[in-house]
Amino acid sequence: MVYLKEFNLLSEDYENSFLINERRTYFHNQYPFRMFPEKRFEKIIFSNVTILYGSNGSGKSTILKILAEKLNAKGHDGSGEMFQSYVDGCTYKMTYETPDEIKIIKSDDVFDYIYNVKRINNRMFNQREALLKEYFDCKSTSIRDIKDYQSIKNEVDAKKMSASSFIRGKMLNKDVSEQSNGETALMYFISEIKDNSVYLLDEPENSMSASMQLKLTKFLEESARFFNCQFIIATHSPFILGMNDATIYDLDTVPTKTKNWWELENMKIYYNFFKDNSTKFEQL
């Protein structure tokens, strides 16, 4: 599903006019001015999956930030006055369909989620140790020695249950499991991405192994195909770049233009590396 149809970055003439006429002194920091005219990149035409590809510093994340600011996307951070001046000059077109939400998900959001899950897991581990002690204390205690109701109940529960079931029954966060960072990151995307919405994803593959990236790619493809989601993604991941029917903008080319995934420089490097080492795989 396409909700955001096109977006117009500032032209070189607009930028020059603004910077000349702006009376306040901004020249110590013109960001994000001067980034895209030199790439001759002014208009983005979106499909249901649009990918921004390029080397570090090419402007992928900056474009996502501009989009988030202009579209008032959930999760976007506030920007400085110069950045806001740039965004004010941008224009865009939506289709007749209205998304339920527009949201940006940044790498920091995923890292924060992973960190918080680890904190929960650490607390659960400490709670588990305390409950194990309680279990074995109750298991070995005679009812004659216990006077209060809760102690009697704990003893009865402990005598009926195994240690693991006793602990599971006492712990509050029963469903939080130990996972790898990649598994946790994938669960974050699954929980955050809803139907009928637009998502700006900034390098979602961070923290993920190759197998997790493949699972994320499949989830994104199915969300776009079956659940009316639109994705605009900044990525280096070869798996995400290979998503079916994605429109890919190569920000390393001048002028910036769309390419097929197999035409991208990094993909050619991967291909040549594996081609040169193909005999090693054939020996497996």
C-alpha atoms as a PDB file:
ATOM      1  CA  MET A   1       0.000   0.000   0.000  1.00  0.00           C
ATOM      2  CA  VAL A   2       1.310   3.454  -0.915  1.00  0.00           C
ATOM      3  CA  TYR A   3       0.240   6.315   1.364  1.00  0.00           C
ATOM      4  CA  LEU A   4       3.153   8.702   0.858  1.00  0.00           C
ATOM      5  CA  LYS A   5       3.362   9.268  -2.887  1.00  0.00           C
ATOM      6  CA  GLU A   6       6.249  11.716  -3.333  1.00  0.00           C
ATOM      7  CA  PHE A   7       8.494  14.049  -1.391  1.00  0.00           C
ATOM      8  CA  ASN A   8      10.350  17.099  -2.675  1.00  0.00           C
ATOM      9  CA  LEU A   9      13.671  18.052  -1.145  1.00  0.00           C
ATOM     10  CA  LEU A  10      14.926  21.609  -1.599  1.00  0.00           C
ATOM     11  CA  SER A  11      16.330  22.627  -4.947  1.00  0.00           C
ATOM     12  CA  GLU A  12      19.709  24.313  -5.242  1.00  0.00           C
ATOM     13  CA  ASP A  13      18.024  27.609  -6.220  1.00  0.00           C
ATOM     14  CA  TYR A  14      15.763  27.477  -3.147  1.00  0.00           C
ATOM     15  CA  GLU A  15      18.692  26.764  -0.855  1.00  0.00           C
ATOM     16  CA  ASN A  16      20.804  29.568  -2.323  1.00  0.00           C
ATOM     17  CA  SER A  17      17.948  32.036  -2.039  1.00  0.00           C
ATOM     18  CA  PHE A  18      17.259  31.066   1.546  1.00  0.00           C
ATOM     19  CA  LEU A  19      20.882  31.247   2.662  1.00  0.00           C
ATOM     20  CA  ILE A  20      21.448  34.591   0.954  1.00  0.00           C
ATOM     21  CA  ASN A  21      18.282  36.189   2.291  1.00  0.00           C
ATOM     22  CA  GLU A  22      18.482  34.734   5.793  1.00  0.00           C
ATOM     23  CA  ARG A  23      19.643  37.586   7.969  1.00  0.00           C
ATOM     24  CA  ARG A  24      20.613  35.514  10.978  1.00  0.00           C
ATOM     25  CA  THR A  25      24.055  33.934  10.926  1.00  0.00           C
ATOM     26  CA  TYR A  26      23.818  30.163  10.460  1.00  0.00           C
ATOM     27  CA  PHE A  27      26.938  29.559   8.460  1.00  0.00           C
ATOM     28  CA  HIS A  28      28.710  27.720  11.256  1.00  0.00           C
ATOM     29  CA  ASN A  29      26.194  24.917  10.720  1.00  0.00           C
ATOM     30  CA  GLN A  30      24.158  24.701   7.513  1.00  0.00           C
ATOM     31  CA  TYR A  31      23.024  21.107   8.003  1.00  0.00           C
ATOM     32  CA  PRO A  32      21.021  19.732   6.197  1.00  0.00           C
ATOM     33  CA  PHE A  33      21.433  22.436   3.548  1.00  0.00           C
ATOM     34  CA  ARG A  34      23.993  21.735   0.799  1.00  0.00           C
ATOM     35  CA  MET A  35      23.677  17.957   1.173  1.00  0.00           C
ATOM     36  CA  PHE A  36      21.391  17.016  -1.703  1.00  0.00           C
ATOM     37  CA  PRO A  37      21.786  19.601  -4.490  1.00  0.00           C
ATOM     38  CA  GLU A  38      25.316  18.295  -5.135  1.00  0.00           C
ATOM     39  CA  LYS A  39      23.747  14.863  -5.620  1.00  0.00           C
ATOM     40  CA  ARG A  40      21.113  16.423  -7.905  1.00  0.00           C
ATOM     41  CA  PHE A  41      18.527  14.737  -5.744  1.00  0.00           C
ATOM     42  CA  GLU A  42      15.303  16.700  -5.372  1.00  0.00           C
ATOM     43  CA  LYS A  43      12.342  14.326  -5.661  1.00  0.00           C
ATOM     44  CA  ILE A  44      11.602  10.924  -4.133  1.00  0.00           C
ATOM     45  CA  ILE A  45       8.853   8.826  -5.682  1.00  0.00           C
ATOM     46  CA  PHE A  46       7.733   6.129  -3.265  1.00  0.00           C
ATOM     47  CA  SER A  47       6.514   2.569  -3.711  1.00  0.00           C
ATOM     48  CA  ASN A  48       5.211   0.323  -0.942  1.00  0.00           C
ATOM     49  CA  VAL A  49       8.865  -0.405  -0.078  1.00  0.00           C
ATOM     50  CA  THR A  50      11.387   2.352  -0.754  1.00  0.00           C
ATOM     51  CA  ILE A  51      15.015   1.864   0.234  1.00  0.00           C
ATOM     52  CA  LEU A  52      17.717   4.497   0.709  1.00  0.00           C
ATOM     53  CA  TYR A  53      21.116   2.979  -0.004  1.00  0.00           C
ATOM     54  CA  GLY A  54      24.528   4.580   0.309  1.00  0.00           C
ATOM     55  CA  SER A  55      27.750   4.765   2.256  1.00  0.00           C
ATOM     56  CA  ASN A  56      27.975   6.293   5.716  1.00  0.00           C
ATOM     57  CA  GLY A  57      27.401  10.036   5.474  1.00  0.00           C
ATOM     58  CA  SER A  58      25.523   9.812   2.173  1.00  0.00           C
ATOM     59  CA  GLY A  59      22.352  11.263   3.708  1.00  0.00           C
ATOM     60  CA  LYS A  60      20.157   8.178   4.232  1.00  0.00           C
ATOM     61  CA  SER A  61      19.359   8.877   7.874  1.00  0.00           C
ATOM     62  CA  THR A  62      19.071  12.600   7.205  1.00  0.00           C
ATOM     63  CA  ILE A  63      16.322  11.992   4.653  1.00  0.00           C
ATOM     64  CA  LEU A  64      14.446   9.815   7.142  1.00  0.00           C
ATOM     65  CA  LYS A  65      14.765  12.559   9.737  1.00  0.00           C
ATOM     66  CA  ILE A  66      13.480  15.164   7.252  1.00  0.00           C
ATOM     67  CA  LEU A  67      10.524  12.940   6.384  1.00  0.00           C
ATOM     68  CA  ALA A  68       9.757  12.290  10.052  1.00  0.00           C
ATOM     69  CA  GLU A  69       9.848  15.993  10.870  1.00  0.00           C
ATOM     70  CA  LYS A  70       7.698  17.036   7.911  1.00  0.00           C
ATOM     71  CA  LEU A  71       5.147  14.256   8.411  1.00  0.00           C
ATOM     72  CA  ASN A  72       5.117  14.701  12.201  1.00  0.00           C
ATOM     73  CA  ALA A  73       5.923  11.020  12.589  1.00  0.00           C
ATOM     74  CA  LYS A  74       5.661   9.352  15.970  1.00  0.00           C
ATOM     75  CA  GLY A  75       9.050   8.795  17.542  1.00  0.00           C
ATOM     76  CA  HIS A  76      10.844  11.673  15.839  1.00  0.00           C
ATOM     77  CA  ASP A  77      13.161  13.872  17.876  1.00  0.00           C
ATOM     78  CA  GLY A  78      12.993  17.624  17.935  1.00  0.00           C
ATOM     79  CA  SER A  79      15.284  19.479  15.543  1.00  0.00           C
ATOM     80  CA  GLY A  80      17.200  22.718  15.558  1.00  0.00           C
ATOM     81  CA  GLU A  81      16.080  25.935  13.935  1.00  0.00           C
ATOM     82  CA  MET A  82      18.207  25.474  10.816  1.00  0.00           C
ATOM     83  CA  PHE A  83      16.916  21.944  10.278  1.00  0.00           C
ATOM     84  CA  GLN A  84      13.347  23.141  10.758  1.00  0.00           C
ATOM     85  CA  SER A  85      13.902  25.879   8.172  1.00  0.00           C
ATOM     86  CA  TYR A  86      14.940  23.218   5.680  1.00  0.00           C
ATOM     87  CA  VAL A  87      11.937  21.030   6.475  1.00  0.00           C
ATOM     88  CA  ASP A  88       9.544  23.976   6.135  1.00  0.00           C
ATOM     89  CA  GLY A  89      10.552  24.363   2.489  1.00  0.00           C
ATOM     90  CA  CYS A  90       9.935  20.701   1.606  1.00  0.00           C
ATOM     91  CA  THR A  91       6.659  19.531   0.082  1.00  0.00           C
ATOM     92  CA  TYR A  92       4.987  16.155  -0.288  1.00  0.00           C
ATOM     93  CA  LYS A  93       1.952  14.398  -1.713  1.00  0.00           C
ATOM     94  CA  MET A  94      -0.149  11.676  -0.139  1.00  0.00           C
ATOM     95  CA  THR A  95      -2.514   9.303  -1.922  1.00  0.00           C
ATOM     96  CA  TYR A  96      -6.221   9.239  -1.126  1.00  0.00           C
ATOM     97  CA  GLU A  97      -5.579   6.572   1.535  1.00  0.00           C
ATOM     98  CA  THR A  98      -4.858   7.739   5.078  1.00  0.00           C
ATOM     99  CA  PRO A  99      -2.498   5.617   7.222  1.00  0.00           C
ATOM    100  CA  ASP A 100      -3.403   4.747  10.789  1.00  0.00           C
ATOM    101  CA  GLU A 101      -0.002   6.014  11.894  1.00  0.00           C
ATOM    102  CA  ILE A 102       3.314   7.309  10.590  1.00  0.00           C
ATOM    103  CA  LYS A 103       6.252   6.327  12.765  1.00  0.00           C
ATOM    104  CA  ILE A 104      10.038   6.404  12.666  1.00  0.00           C
ATOM    105  CA  ILE A 105      12.007   3.599  14.308  1.00  0.00           C
ATOM    106  CA  LYS A 106      15.673   4.380  14.872  1.00  0.00           C
ATOM    107  CA  SER A 107      18.556   2.123  15.854  1.00  0.00           C
ATOM    108  CA  ASP A 108      18.642   3.782  19.264  1.00  0.00           C
ATOM    109  CA  ASP A 109      15.016   2.781  19.839  1.00  0.00           C
ATOM    110  CA  VAL A 110      15.915  -0.861  19.222  1.00  0.00           C
ATOM    111  CA  PHE A 111      19.053  -0.675  21.394  1.00  0.00           C
ATOM    112  CA  ASP A 112      17.049   0.880  24.239  1.00  0.00           C
ATOM    113  CA  TYR A 113      14.498  -1.927  23.981  1.00  0.00           C
ATOM    114  CA  ILE A 114      17.214  -4.601  24.036  1.00  0.00           C
ATOM    115  CA  TYR A 115      18.834  -2.934  27.058  1.00  0.00           C
ATOM    116  CA  ASN A 116      15.537  -2.764  28.938  1.00  0.00           C
ATOM    117  CA  VAL A 117      14.781  -6.430  28.198  1.00  0.00           C
ATOM    118  CA  LYS A 118      18.217  -7.390  29.530  1.00  0.00           C
ATOM    119  CA  ARG A 119      17.529  -5.402  32.683  1.00  0.00           C
ATOM    120  CA  ILE A 120      14.222  -7.254  33.115  1.00  0.00           C
ATOM    121  CA  ASN A 121      15.953 -10.584  32.541  1.00  0.00           C
ATOM    122  CA  ASN A 122      18.606  -9.720  35.133  1.00  0.00           C
ATOM    123  CA  ARG A 123      15.916  -8.859  37.672  1.00  0.00           C
ATOM    124  CA  MET A 124      14.132 -12.112  36.852  1.00  0.00           C
ATOM    125  CA  PHE A 125      17.357 -14.063  37.371  1.00  0.00           C
ATOM    126  CA  ASN A 126      17.813 -12.496  40.807  1.00  0.00           C
ATOM    127  CA  GLN A 127      14.167 -13.179  41.620  1.00  0.00           C
ATOM    128  CA  ARG A 128      14.568 -16.770  40.471  1.00  0.00           C
ATOM    129  CA  GLU A 129      17.511 -17.276  42.822  1.00  0.00           C
ATOM    130  CA  ALA A 130      15.500 -15.927  45.760  1.00  0.00           C
ATOM    131  CA  LEU A 131      12.524 -18.112  44.861  1.00  0.00           C
ATOM    132  CA  LEU A 132      14.718 -21.199  44.583  1.00  0.00           C
ATOM    133  CA  LYS A 133      15.874 -20.590  48.128  1.00  0.00           C
ATOM    134  CA  GLU A 134      12.270 -20.109  49.216  1.00  0.00           C
ATOM    135  CA  TYR A 135      11.268 -23.320  47.425  1.00  0.00           C
ATOM    136  CA  PHE A 136      13.870 -25.479  49.113  1.00  0.00           C
ATOM    137  CA  ASP A 137      13.236 -23.833  52.486  1.00  0.00           C
ATOM    138  CA  CYS A 138       9.518 -24.620  52.175  1.00  0.00           C
ATOM    139  CA  LYS A 139      10.174 -28.092  50.826  1.00  0.00           C
ATOM    140  CA  SER A 140      12.148 -29.061  53.906  1.00  0.00           C
ATOM    141  CA  THR A 141       9.972 -27.358  56.527  1.00  0.00           C
ATOM    142  CA  SER A 142       7.411 -29.189  58.616  1.00  0.00           C
ATOM    143  CA  ILE A 143       3.904 -27.755  58.825  1.00  0.00           C
ATOM    144  CA  ARG A 144       4.159 -27.950  62.610  1.00  0.00           C
ATOM    145  CA  ASP A 145       6.839 -25.265  62.510  1.00  0.00           C
ATOM    146  CA  ILE A 146       4.787 -22.816  60.423  1.00  0.00           C
ATOM    147  CA  LYS A 147       2.166 -20.616  61.995  1.00  0.00           C
ATOM    148  CA  ASP A 148       0.997 -18.169  59.345  1.00  0.00           C
ATOM    149  CA  TYR A 149      -1.270 -18.989  56.438  1.00  0.00           C
ATOM    150  CA  GLN A 150       1.055 -17.764  53.667  1.00  0.00           C
ATOM    151  CA  SER A 151       3.879 -19.939  54.898  1.00  0.00           C
ATOM    152  CA  ILE A 152       1.562 -22.967  54.971  1.00  0.00           C
ATOM    153  CA  LYS A 153       0.379 -22.160  51.446  1.00  0.00           C
ATOM    154  CA  ASN A 154       3.961 -21.830  50.211  1.00  0.00           C
ATOM    155  CA  GLU A 155       4.845 -25.176  51.759  1.00  0.00           C
ATOM    156  CA  VAL A 156       1.876 -26.938  50.174  1.00  0.00           C
ATOM    157  CA  ASP A 157       2.691 -25.375  46.794  1.00  0.00           C
ATOM    158  CA  ALA A 158       6.331 -26.347  47.050  1.00  0.00           C
ATOM    159  CA  LYS A 159       5.559 -29.933  48.020  1.00  0.00           C
ATOM    160  CA  LYS A 160       3.183 -30.307  45.055  1.00  0.00           C
ATOM    161  CA  MET A 161       5.326 -28.589  42.415  1.00  0.00           C
ATOM    162  CA  SER A 162       8.689 -28.987  40.823  1.00  0.00           C
ATOM    163  CA  ALA A 163      11.186 -26.177  41.417  1.00  0.00           C
ATOM    164  CA  SER A 164      10.670 -24.733  37.923  1.00  0.00           C
ATOM    165  CA  SER A 165       6.875 -24.688  38.136  1.00  0.00           C
ATOM    166  CA  PHE A 166       7.006 -23.174  41.637  1.00  0.00           C
ATOM    167  CA  ILE A 167       9.199 -20.341  40.370  1.00  0.00           C
ATOM    168  CA  ARG A 168       7.104 -19.721  37.225  1.00  0.00           C
ATOM    169  CA  GLY A 169       3.993 -19.480  39.353  1.00  0.00           C
ATOM    170  CA  LYS A 170       5.575 -16.895  41.648  1.00  0.00           C
ATOM    171  CA  MET A 171       7.306 -14.669  39.079  1.00  0.00           C
ATOM    172  CA  LEU A 172       5.416 -11.681  37.745  1.00  0.00           C
ATOM    173  CA  ASN A 173       6.917 -11.475  34.255  1.00  0.00           C
ATOM    174  CA  LYS A 174       6.242 -15.001  33.147  1.00  0.00           C
ATOM    175  CA  ASP A 175       6.573 -14.491  29.391  1.00  0.00           C
ATOM    176  CA  VAL A 176       9.883 -12.608  29.243  1.00  0.00           C
ATOM    177  CA  SER A 177      12.425 -15.118  27.976  1.00  0.00           C
ATOM    178  CA  GLU A 178      16.142 -15.152  27.487  1.00  0.00           C
ATOM    179  CA  GLN A 179      16.838 -14.239  23.862  1.00  0.00           C
ATOM    180  CA  SER A 180      19.754 -13.134  21.735  1.00  0.00           C
ATOM    181  CA  ASN A 181      19.980  -9.453  20.860  1.00  0.00           C
ATOM    182  CA  GLY A 182      18.865 -10.252  17.330  1.00  0.00           C
ATOM    183  CA  GLU A 183      15.830 -12.214  18.498  1.00  0.00           C
ATOM    184  CA  THR A 184      14.898  -9.419  20.881  1.00  0.00           C
ATOM    185  CA  ALA A 185      15.272  -6.820  18.113  1.00  0.00           C
ATOM    186  CA  LEU A 186      13.056  -8.878  15.798  1.00  0.00           C
ATOM    187  CA  MET A 187      10.387  -9.155  18.488  1.00  0.00           C
ATOM    188  CA  TYR A 188      10.549  -5.380  18.900  1.00  0.00           C
ATOM    189  CA  PHE A 189       9.741  -4.809  15.218  1.00  0.00           C
ATOM    190  CA  ILE A 190       6.962  -7.396  15.286  1.00  0.00           C
ATOM    191  CA  SER A 191       5.383  -5.697  18.303  1.00  0.00           C
ATOM    192  CA  GLU A 192       5.776  -2.136  16.978  1.00  0.00           C
ATOM    193  CA  ILE A 193       4.674  -2.513  13.347  1.00  0.00           C
ATOM    194  CA  LYS A 194       0.906  -2.373  12.941  1.00  0.00           C
ATOM    195  CA  ASP A 195      -1.394  -2.756   9.936  1.00  0.00           C
ATOM    196  CA  ASN A 196      -2.273   0.133   7.602  1.00  0.00           C
ATOM    197  CA  SER A 197       0.664   2.342   8.567  1.00  0.00           C
ATOM    198  CA  VAL A 198       3.822   4.037   7.282  1.00  0.00           C
ATOM    199  CA  TYR A 199       7.173   3.207   8.882  1.00  0.00           C
ATOM    200  CA  LEU A 200      10.520   4.941   8.497  1.00  0.00           C
ATOM    201  CA  LEU A 201      13.207   2.435   9.494  1.00  0.00           C
ATOM    202  CA  ASP A 202      16.782   3.557  10.093  1.00  0.00           C
ATOM    203  CA  GLU A 203      19.154   0.596   9.645  1.00  0.00           C
ATOM    204  CA  PRO A 204      16.807  -1.947  11.233  1.00  0.00           C
ATOM    205  CA  GLU A 205      19.346  -4.731  10.674  1.00  0.00           C
ATOM    206  CA  ASN A 206      21.619  -3.469  13.467  1.00  0.00           C
ATOM    207  CA  SER A 207      22.107  -6.089  16.217  1.00  0.00           C
ATOM    208  CA  MET A 208      20.889  -8.859  13.906  1.00  0.00           C
ATOM    209  CA  SER A 209      22.723 -11.885  12.564  1.00  0.00           C
ATOM    210  CA  ALA A 210      22.238 -12.907   8.939  1.00  0.00           C
ATOM    211  CA  SER A 211      19.518 -15.407   9.887  1.00  0.00           C
ATOM    212  CA  MET A 212      17.652 -12.761  11.907  1.00  0.00           C
ATOM    213  CA  GLN A 213      17.954 -10.285   9.024  1.00  0.00           C
ATOM    214  CA  LEU A 214      16.329 -12.846   6.744  1.00  0.00           C
ATOM    215  CA  LYS A 215      13.455 -13.260   9.191  1.00  0.00           C
ATOM    216  CA  LEU A 216      13.064  -9.480   9.478  1.00  0.00           C
ATOM    217  CA  THR A 217      13.066  -9.163   5.687  1.00  0.00           C
ATOM    218  CA  LYS A 218      10.320 -11.758   5.372  1.00  0.00           C
ATOM    219  CA  PHE A 219       8.263 -10.009   8.061  1.00  0.00           C
ATOM    220  CA  LEU A 220       8.599  -6.637   6.315  1.00  0.00           C
ATOM    221  CA  GLU A 221       7.698  -8.135   2.933  1.00  0.00           C
ATOM    222  CA  GLU A 222       4.593  -9.799   4.334  1.00  0.00           C
ATOM    223  CA  SER A 223       3.580  -6.637   6.217  1.00  0.00           C
ATOM    224  CA  ALA A 224       3.803  -4.625   2.999  1.00  0.00           C
ATOM    225  CA  ARG A 225       2.068  -7.251   0.882  1.00  0.00           C
ATOM    226  CA  PHE A 226      -0.713  -8.469   3.153  1.00  0.00           C
ATOM    227  CA  PHE A 227      -1.185  -5.857   5.882  1.00  0.00           C
ATOM    228  CA  ASN A 228      -1.130  -2.562   3.963  1.00  0.00           C
ATOM    229  CA  CYS A 229       2.125  -1.214   5.374  1.00  0.00           C
ATOM    230  CA  GLN A 230       4.461   1.174   3.578  1.00  0.00           C
ATOM    231  CA  PHE A 231       8.158   1.150   4.438  1.00  0.00           C
ATOM    232  CA  ILE A 232      10.900   3.689   3.806  1.00  0.00           C
ATOM    233  CA  ILE A 233      14.158   2.111   4.898  1.00  0.00           C
ATOM    234  CA  ALA A 234      17.768   3.242   5.215  1.00  0.00           C
ATOM    235  CA  THR A 235      19.903   0.105   5.151  1.00  0.00           C
ATOM    236  CA  HIS A 236      23.158  -1.646   4.300  1.00  0.00           C
ATOM    237  CA  SER A 237      21.674  -5.128   4.664  1.00  0.00           C
ATOM    238  CA  PRO A 238      21.938  -7.207   1.475  1.00  0.00           C
ATOM    239  CA  PHE A 239      18.824  -9.126   2.520  1.00  0.00           C
ATOM    240  CA  ILE A 240      16.673  -6.032   2.971  1.00  0.00           C
ATOM    241  CA  LEU A 241      18.076  -4.551  -0.242  1.00  0.00           C
ATOM    242  CA  GLY A 242      16.880  -7.705  -1.999  1.00  0.00           C
ATOM    243  CA  MET A 243      13.250  -7.258  -0.899  1.00  0.00           C
ATOM    244  CA  ASN A 244      10.756  -8.037  -3.639  1.00  0.00           C
ATOM    245  CA  ASP A 245       9.623  -5.051  -5.729  1.00  0.00           C
ATOM    246  CA  ALA A 246      11.499  -2.496  -3.635  1.00  0.00           C
ATOM    247  CA  THR A 247      12.435   0.877  -5.132  1.00  0.00           C
ATOM    248  CA  ILE A 248      16.087   1.550  -4.272  1.00  0.00           C
ATOM    249  CA  TYR A 249      17.698   5.000  -4.394  1.00  0.00           C
ATOM    250  CA  ASP A 250      21.487   4.867  -4.651  1.00  0.00           C
ATOM    251  CA  LEU A 251      22.740   7.958  -2.820  1.00  0.00           C
ATOM    252  CA  ASP A 252      26.337   7.192  -3.809  1.00  0.00           C
ATOM    253  CA  THR A 253      25.637   8.073  -7.445  1.00  0.00           C
ATOM    254  CA  VAL A 254      25.451  11.542  -8.992  1.00  0.00           C
ATOM    255  CA  PRO A 255      22.773  12.212  -9.929  1.00  0.00           C
ATOM    256  CA  THR A 256      21.015  10.012  -7.389  1.00  0.00           C
ATOM    257  CA  LYS A 257      18.888   7.464  -9.205  1.00  0.00           C
ATOM    258  CA  THR A 258      17.060   4.197  -8.669  1.00  0.00           C
ATOM    259  CA  LYS A 259      18.810   0.882  -9.229  1.00  0.00           C
ATOM    260  CA  ASN A 260      18.143  -2.819  -8.984  1.00  0.00           C
ATOM    261  CA  TRP A 261      19.703  -4.444  -5.935  1.00  0.00           C
ATOM    262  CA  TRP A 262      22.147  -6.472  -8.039  1.00  0.00           C
ATOM    263  CA  GLU A 263      23.482  -3.244  -9.605  1.00  0.00           C
ATOM    264  CA  LEU A 264      24.587  -1.772  -6.258  1.00  0.00           C
ATOM    265  CA  GLU A 265      28.316  -1.550  -5.568  1.00  0.00           C
ATOM    266  CA  ASN A 266      28.237  -3.389  -2.234  1.00  0.00           C
ATOM    267  CA  MET A 267      26.183  -6.206  -3.704  1.00  0.00           C
ATOM    268  CA  LYS A 268      28.742  -6.611  -6.483  1.00  0.00           C
ATOM    269  CA  ILE A 269      31.493  -6.815  -3.865  1.00  0.00           C
ATOM    270  CA  TYR A 270      29.594  -9.538  -1.976  1.00  0.00           C
ATOM    271  CA  TYR A 271      28.983 -11.404  -5.220  1.00  0.00           C
ATOM    272  CA  ASN A 272      32.619 -11.298  -6.317  1.00  0.00           C
ATOM    273  CA  PHE A 273      33.833 -12.392  -2.886  1.00  0.00           C
ATOM    274  CA  PHE A 274      31.587 -15.455  -2.792  1.00  0.00           C
ATOM    275  CA  LYS A 275      32.254 -16.197  -6.455  1.00  0.00           C
ATOM    276  CA  ASP A 276      36.015 -16.144  -5.843  1.00  0.00           C
ATOM    277  CA  ASN A 277      35.569 -18.471  -2.857  1.00  0.00           C
ATOM    278  CA  SER A 278      32.875 -20.714  -4.321  1.00  0.00           C
ATOM    279  CA  THR A 279      35.118 -23.817  -4.275  1.00  0.00           C
ATOM    280  CA  LYS A 280      35.372 -23.578  -0.495  1.00  0.00           C
ATOM    281  CA  PHE A 281      31.593 -23.841  -0.222  1.00  0.00           C
ATOM    282  CA  GLU A 282      31.484 -26.707  -2.696  1.00  0.00           C
ATOM    283  CA  GLN A 283      33.812 -28.675  -0.408  1.00  0.00           C
ATOM    284  CA  LEU A 284      31.412 -28.493   2.531  1.00  0.00           C
END
